[in-house]
Amino acid sequence: MHRLVNRLLAAGSVAAVATAFPALAQAQGFRGGTQIKPGEECPAGMTEIRPRTCMAPEKPAPSIVDYRPKSTLKVPGTMNMKAKFPVVDFHGHPSGQLGSVDAIERMGKTLDSLNVRLMIVANNVSGDQLAKGVELVKGTTTMKDRVRFLTGINFNGAGSPEWAAKAVAQLEADAKAGAVGIGEISKGFGLSQKKADGSRLKLNDPSLKPVWDAAARLKLPVFVHTADPQEFFREVDNTNERWLELSLFPDRRYPQDRYPSFEQLMNERDSLFRANPKTTFVTAHLGWHAHDLGRLGKMFDEMPNLNAEMGAVLYDIGRQPRAAHDFFVKYQDRLLFGKDSYQPEEYPYYWRVFETRDDYFDYYRDYHAFWKLYGIDLPDVVLKKIYYQNALRIMPAIPTAGWPK
């Protein structure tokens, strides 16, 4: 009998064992099961315990919020607070840290503890607001060369006869005031921004061409945030790996009856990059293709004017250590470090992913990722490029003296 039971179990026939030998099945911990066909998924509330056999837990399952397993894995690992080389944060959003000279000086001490030497403020400011920020930085003792600003573009009225000339004049004034680039152009561009006639302003709208030409002439890289993760554009169901985030923040959903599709926005974005080959573009968040590095690689191959920064997508980089390592090595001249949200305690997670071979460690926000991260162990020559050299190269308005060679 035991041989028959073992054969049935080996074949995945838990339900047959439970039916024919209930006492033995119970002693083995099996309570019966539900059979499924090849390729089918288990019914809701069940999981596959043997090939094509599903079973429900004996106890009620914890919610995705409450399930917090503690890893038993014992492996060496370190969390370095300071980056190995000085860093340009290309995607910075400090807010209260820019309110006064004293606040900027205090931010400098925090940046010192992380080895972030230069903060690029990507708050899309322009005109008087930009000039005020520049003057505050000039008034500091230690931060004069450690904070720089990107200017913004006001798209209100785009498409009208006078808009382009006005926008170009503002860019020229902001560059003269000290702006080192343009951006972060927000995700509203393409999603919800309207033209003067009330229609959606597409990313590749030809009426914007004079602005991109001016950016090329002024040597101002254009930093564009397009859309949001692809999962934000699809149904929030049990197969959506961003379920928790979208359930916590419903305003991050993009129903297809109200917004363009993810692919439509990507196509418009890529058309923008192709149509302006003399303009240097930086796509934010690795273009939301950190889960599909092959797609981003094809963009790099096709578009020599394109760069990408990596803010807020560490969860995808760190779950594919070998593929990410190879990608970062191959495209080392096109990648920029950026953090996005200014949370100093989160920077060291980036150093750990980029600089170590550590295994299976936590990400800093559970609602972004329920999986663990791994170090991708980048060579020093690559670290230097993504940490500071590429940023200095594409922003000629930033002095290069004092940086390591």
Foldseek 3Di string as FASTA:
>chain_A
DVVVVVVCVVVVNLQVCCVPPVVVSVVVVHNHWDFDDPPDADPPQWHRPGVRTIDHDPDDDDDPVPDDDDDPDDDDADQQQEFPFAFEAQADADDVCQPALVSVVVVVVLCVSHNHQAYEHFPQAFDPVLLVSLVRQVPHDPRNQHYAYAHHFDQEQQPDPCRLVVRLVRVVVSVVSGHLAYHPADQCQQWPDAHPVGHHHFLQPVSNVSVQVSCLVSLHEHEYEHQDALLLADDLDPVRQLNLVCVVPVVSHDDVVRTPHPVVNVVSVLNNQVVRLSHAYEYEQLVNCLQPLVVSVVSVVVRVSYAYEREPNQQSLFVCQAVNQVSLVVPLLRYAYHHHYPDSVQVSVVSRQAAHQAPFDDHDDCSVHVGGGGHNHHDPVSCCSRRPVNVCVSRVSRDPPPGDD
